C-alpha atoms as a PDB file:
ATOM      1  CA  MET A   1      37.469 194.161 147.113  1.00  0.00           C
ATOM      2  CA  THR A   2      39.161 197.589 148.338  1.00  0.00           C
ATOM      3  CA  GLU A   3      42.849 197.568 148.243  1.00  0.00           C
ATOM      4  CA  SER A   4      42.830 196.688 151.923  1.00  0.00           C
ATOM      5  CA  CYS A   5      40.933 193.853 152.059  1.00  0.00           C
ATOM      6  CA  GLU A   6      42.281 191.917 148.668  1.00  0.00           C
ATOM      7  CA  ALA A   7      46.213 193.051 150.810  1.00  0.00           C
ATOM      8  CA  LYS A   8      44.387 190.957 153.890  1.00  0.00           C
ATOM      9  CA  TRP A   9      42.984 188.085 151.951  1.00  0.00           C
ATOM     10  CA  LYS A  10      45.220 185.285 151.133  1.00  0.00           C
ATOM     11  CA  PRO A  11      44.593 181.582 150.026  1.00  0.00           C
ATOM     12  CA  THR A  12      45.890 178.757 152.158  1.00  0.00           C
ATOM     13  CA  GLN A  13      48.381 176.422 149.951  1.00  0.00           C
ATOM     14  CA  ASN A  14      45.856 173.991 149.222  1.00  0.00           C
ATOM     15  CA  GLN A  15      43.904 176.620 147.547  1.00  0.00           C
ATOM     16  CA  ILE A  16      46.462 177.437 145.765  1.00  0.00           C
ATOM     17  CA  VAL A  17      47.356 173.857 144.617  1.00  0.00           C
ATOM     18  CA  ASP A  18      44.276 172.812 144.433  1.00  0.00           C
ATOM     19  CA  LEU A  19      41.851 175.426 142.991  1.00  0.00           C
ATOM     20  CA  ILE A  20      44.310 178.749 141.512  1.00  0.00           C
ATOM     21  CA  LEU A  21      46.964 176.593 139.991  1.00  0.00           C
ATOM     22  CA  PRO A  22      44.618 174.313 138.111  1.00  0.00           C
ATOM     23  CA  ALA A  23      42.461 177.727 137.301  1.00  0.00           C
ATOM     24  CA  TYR A  24      45.068 179.697 135.939  1.00  0.00           C
ATOM     25  CA  THR A  25      46.865 176.940 133.417  1.00  0.00           C
ATOM     26  CA  GLU A  26      43.012 175.982 132.382  1.00  0.00           C
ATOM     27  CA  MET A  27      42.775 179.586 131.336  1.00  0.00           C
ATOM     28  CA  ALA A  28      45.962 180.430 129.618  1.00  0.00           C
ATOM     29  CA  LYS A  29      45.404 177.224 127.596  1.00  0.00           C
ATOM     30  CA  LYS A  30      41.950 178.792 126.454  1.00  0.00           C
ATOM     31  CA  SER A  31      43.425 182.027 126.150  1.00  0.00           C
ATOM     32  CA  VAL A  32      45.858 180.143 123.706  1.00  0.00           C
ATOM     33  CA  GLU A  33      43.424 178.468 121.704  1.00  0.00           C
ATOM     34  CA  TYR A  34      40.718 181.423 121.437  1.00  0.00           C
ATOM     35  CA  ILE A  35      44.408 183.154 119.479  1.00  0.00           C
ATOM     36  CA  ALA A  36      44.677 179.952 117.063  1.00  0.00           C
ATOM     37  CA  LYS A  37      40.848 179.514 117.009  1.00  0.00           C
ATOM     38  CA  PHE A  38      40.071 183.085 116.190  1.00  0.00           C
ATOM     39  CA  GLN A  39      43.847 184.079 114.632  1.00  0.00           C
ATOM     40  CA  CYS A  40      44.338 186.968 116.386  1.00  0.00           C
ATOM     41  CA  PRO A  41      47.683 188.644 118.009  1.00  0.00           C
ATOM     42  CA  PRO A  42      47.235 187.460 121.748  1.00  0.00           C
ATOM     43  CA  GLY A  43      47.136 191.693 122.769  1.00  0.00           C
ATOM     44  CA  TYR A  44      43.457 191.117 121.379  1.00  0.00           C
ATOM     45  CA  VAL A  45      42.641 187.829 123.772  1.00  0.00           C
ATOM     46  CA  ALA A  46      44.809 190.092 126.569  1.00  0.00           C
ATOM     47  CA  ASP A  47      42.244 192.980 126.004  1.00  0.00           C
ATOM     48  CA  MET A  48      39.643 190.062 126.461  1.00  0.00           C
ATOM     49  CA  LEU A  49      40.819 188.981 129.653  1.00  0.00           C
ATOM     50  CA  ARG A  50      41.424 192.562 131.100  1.00  0.00           C
ATOM     51  CA  ASP A  51      37.550 193.419 129.811  1.00  0.00           C
ATOM     52  CA  ILE A  52      36.362 190.002 132.243  1.00  0.00           C
ATOM     53  CA  ALA A  53      38.332 190.633 134.810  1.00  0.00           C
ATOM     54  CA  ASP A  54      36.623 194.751 135.194  1.00  0.00           C
ATOM     55  CA  ALA A  55      33.509 193.483 134.357  1.00  0.00           C
ATOM     56  CA  LEU A  56      33.449 190.888 137.694  1.00  0.00           C
ATOM     57  CA  GLU A  57      35.438 193.947 139.681  1.00  0.00           C
ATOM     58  CA  SER A  58      32.370 196.164 138.495  1.00  0.00           C
ATOM     59  CA  SER A  59      29.745 193.650 139.205  1.00  0.00           C
ATOM     60  CA  HIS A  60      30.503 193.324 142.559  1.00  0.00           C
ATOM     61  CA  PRO A  61      30.369 197.066 143.910  1.00  0.00           C
ATOM     62  CA  GLU A  62      29.500 195.828 146.999  1.00  0.00           C
ATOM     63  CA  SER A  63      32.442 194.452 147.850  1.00  0.00           C
ATOM     64  CA  GLU A  64      34.137 197.633 147.978  1.00  0.00           C
ATOM     65  CA  SER A  65      32.415 198.816 151.683  1.00  0.00           C
ATOM     66  CA  ASP A  66      32.214 195.158 152.787  1.00  0.00           C
ATOM     67  CA  CYS A  67      35.649 193.409 153.957  1.00  0.00           C
ATOM     68  CA  SER A  68      34.232 190.522 155.849  1.00  0.00           C
ATOM     69  CA  CYS A  69      35.383 188.079 152.965  1.00  0.00           C
ATOM     70  CA  CYS A  70      38.580 188.908 155.335  1.00  0.00           C
END
């Protein structure tokens, strides 16, 4: 998604409360579980999350030129 498209999209208050905050909470809990399971430093899981974010962005190159979501 382009920066201008990202800047235009804003979640609604309902989306924040009902979807986004619960997703953040669940991802944070899972990340803490992985740190304990892998017995690794938190930075390792943080790197995993960055890699996932990069993969998500690169898997949708069409969004770079399409701001129909905005």
